[in-house]
C-alpha atoms as a PDB file:
ATOM      1  CA  UNK A   1       0.000   0.000   0.000  1.00  0.00           C
ATOM      2  CA  UNK A   2       2.888   2.338   0.674  1.00  0.00           C
ATOM      3  CA  UNK A   3       6.594   2.748   1.240  1.00  0.00           C
ATOM      4  CA  UNK A   4       8.708   5.494   2.803  1.00  0.00           C
ATOM      5  CA  UNK A   5      12.416   5.860   3.508  1.00  0.00           C
ATOM      6  CA  UNK A   6      12.770   7.896   6.691  1.00  0.00           C
ATOM      7  CA  UNK A   7      15.959   9.632   7.825  1.00  0.00           C
ATOM      8  CA  UNK A   8      16.758   9.652  11.517  1.00  0.00           C
ATOM      9  CA  UNK A   9      18.292  12.465  13.553  1.00  0.00           C
ATOM     10  CA  UNK A  10      21.806  11.403  12.555  1.00  0.00           C
ATOM     11  CA  UNK A  11      22.772  11.395   8.895  1.00  0.00           C
ATOM     12  CA  UNK A  12      23.559   7.685   9.224  1.00  0.00           C
ATOM     13  CA  UNK A  13      20.204   6.500  10.575  1.00  0.00           C
ATOM     14  CA  UNK A  14      17.442   5.432   8.175  1.00  0.00           C
ATOM     15  CA  UNK A  15      14.242   3.407   8.436  1.00  0.00           C
ATOM     16  CA  UNK A  16      12.030   1.776   5.845  1.00  0.00           C
ATOM     17  CA  UNK A  17       8.318   2.133   6.563  1.00  0.00           C
ATOM     18  CA  UNK A  18       6.257  -0.282   4.495  1.00  0.00           C
ATOM     19  CA  UNK A  19       2.487  -0.669   4.608  1.00  0.00           C
ATOM     20  CA  UNK A  20       0.627  -3.802   3.531  1.00  0.00           C
ATOM     21  CA  UNK A  21      -3.067  -4.610   3.408  1.00  0.00           C
ATOM     22  CA  UNK A  22      -2.469  -7.921   5.189  1.00  0.00           C
ATOM     23  CA  UNK A  23       0.175 -10.497   6.088  1.00  0.00           C
ATOM     24  CA  UNK A  24      -0.279 -12.213   2.727  1.00  0.00           C
ATOM     25  CA  UNK A  25       0.732  -8.988   0.961  1.00  0.00           C
ATOM     26  CA  UNK A  26       3.832  -8.659   3.145  1.00  0.00           C
ATOM     27  CA  UNK A  27       4.766 -12.302   2.514  1.00  0.00           C
ATOM     28  CA  UNK A  28       4.356 -11.853  -1.253  1.00  0.00           C
ATOM     29  CA  UNK A  29       6.645  -8.816  -1.142  1.00  0.00           C
ATOM     30  CA  UNK A  30       9.327 -10.759   0.737  1.00  0.00           C
ATOM     31  CA  UNK A  31       9.282 -13.352  -2.058  1.00  0.00           C
ATOM     32  CA  UNK A  32       9.657 -10.767  -4.853  1.00  0.00           C
ATOM     33  CA  UNK A  33      12.836 -10.557  -6.917  1.00  0.00           C
ATOM     34  CA  UNK A  34      13.571  -6.933  -6.016  1.00  0.00           C
ATOM     35  CA  UNK A  35      13.216  -7.664  -2.295  1.00  0.00           C
ATOM     36  CA  UNK A  36      15.604 -10.620  -2.491  1.00  0.00           C
ATOM     37  CA  UNK A  37      18.156  -8.633  -4.508  1.00  0.00           C
ATOM     38  CA  UNK A  38      18.039  -5.778  -1.991  1.00  0.00           C
ATOM     39  CA  UNK A  39      18.332  -8.219   0.889  1.00  0.00           C
ATOM     40  CA  UNK A  40      21.577  -9.636  -0.488  1.00  0.00           C
ATOM     41  CA  UNK A  41      23.064  -6.143  -0.998  1.00  0.00           C
ATOM     42  CA  UNK A  42      21.774  -4.480   2.160  1.00  0.00           C
ATOM     43  CA  UNK A  43      24.534  -5.920   4.339  1.00  0.00           C
ATOM     44  CA  UNK A  44      27.090  -3.843   2.429  1.00  0.00           C
ATOM     45  CA  UNK A  45      25.370  -0.665   3.621  1.00  0.00           C
ATOM     46  CA  UNK A  46      24.357  -1.315   7.204  1.00  0.00           C
ATOM     47  CA  UNK A  47      26.209  -1.738  10.478  1.00  0.00           C
ATOM     48  CA  UNK A  48      24.772  -4.776  12.217  1.00  0.00           C
ATOM     49  CA  UNK A  49      21.629  -6.794  11.765  1.00  0.00           C
ATOM     50  CA  UNK A  50      18.493  -4.898  10.711  1.00  0.00           C
ATOM     51  CA  UNK A  51      15.681  -4.643  13.234  1.00  0.00           C
ATOM     52  CA  UNK A  52      12.197  -5.488  11.980  1.00  0.00           C
ATOM     53  CA  UNK A  53       9.201  -4.165  13.893  1.00  0.00           C
ATOM     54  CA  UNK A  54       5.734  -5.297  12.861  1.00  0.00           C
ATOM     55  CA  UNK A  55       2.800  -3.081  13.779  1.00  0.00           C
ATOM     56  CA  UNK A  56      -0.864  -3.946  13.312  1.00  0.00           C
ATOM     57  CA  UNK A  57      -3.569  -1.363  12.795  1.00  0.00           C
ATOM     58  CA  UNK A  58      -7.163  -1.576  13.975  1.00  0.00           C
ATOM     59  CA  UNK A  59      -9.204  -4.467  12.649  1.00  0.00           C
END
Protein backbone atom coordinates (compact mmCIF):
# COMPACT_ATOMS: atom_id res chain seq x y z
CA UNK A 1 0.00 0.00 0.00
CA UNK A 2 2.89 2.34 0.67
CA UNK A 3 6.59 2.75 1.24
CA UNK A 4 8.71 5.49 2.80
CA UNK A 5 12.42 5.86 3.51
CA UNK A 6 12.77 7.90 6.69
CA UNK A 7 15.96 9.63 7.83
CA UNK A 8 16.76 9.65 11.52
CA UNK A 9 18.29 12.46 13.55
CA UNK A 10 21.81 11.40 12.55
CA UNK A 11 22.77 11.39 8.89
CA UNK A 12 23.56 7.68 9.22
CA UNK A 13 20.20 6.50 10.58
CA UNK A 14 17.44 5.43 8.18
CA UNK A 15 14.24 3.41 8.44
CA UNK A 16 12.03 1.78 5.85
CA UNK A 17 8.32 2.13 6.56
CA UNK A 18 6.26 -0.28 4.50
CA UNK A 19 2.49 -0.67 4.61
CA UNK A 20 0.63 -3.80 3.53
CA UNK A 21 -3.07 -4.61 3.41
CA UNK A 22 -2.47 -7.92 5.19
CA UNK A 23 0.18 -10.50 6.09
CA UNK A 24 -0.28 -12.21 2.73
CA UNK A 25 0.73 -8.99 0.96
CA UNK A 26 3.83 -8.66 3.15
CA UNK A 27 4.77 -12.30 2.51
CA UNK A 28 4.36 -11.85 -1.25
CA UNK A 29 6.65 -8.82 -1.14
CA UNK A 30 9.33 -10.76 0.74
CA UNK A 31 9.28 -13.35 -2.06
CA UNK A 32 9.66 -10.77 -4.85
CA UNK A 33 12.84 -10.56 -6.92
CA UNK A 34 13.57 -6.93 -6.02
CA UNK A 35 13.22 -7.66 -2.30
CA UNK A 36 15.60 -10.62 -2.49
CA UNK A 37 18.16 -8.63 -4.51
CA UNK A 38 18.04 -5.78 -1.99
CA UNK A 39 18.33 -8.22 0.89
CA UNK A 40 21.58 -9.64 -0.49
CA UNK A 41 23.06 -6.14 -1.00
CA UNK A 42 21.77 -4.48 2.16
CA UNK A 43 24.53 -5.92 4.34
CA UNK A 44 27.09 -3.84 2.43
CA UNK A 45 25.37 -0.66 3.62
CA UNK A 46 24.36 -1.32 7.20
CA UNK A 47 26.21 -1.74 10.48
CA UNK A 48 24.77 -4.78 12.22
CA UNK A 49 21.63 -6.79 11.77
CA UNK A 50 18.49 -4.90 10.71
CA UNK A 51 15.68 -4.64 13.23
CA UNK A 52 12.20 -5.49 11.98
CA UNK A 53 9.20 -4.17 13.89
CA UNK A 54 5.73 -5.30 12.86
CA UNK A 55 2.80 -3.08 13.78
CA UNK A 56 -0.86 -3.95 13.31
CA UNK A 57 -3.57 -1.36 12.79
CA UNK A 58 -7.16 -1.58 13.98
CA UNK A 59 -9.20 -4.47 12.65
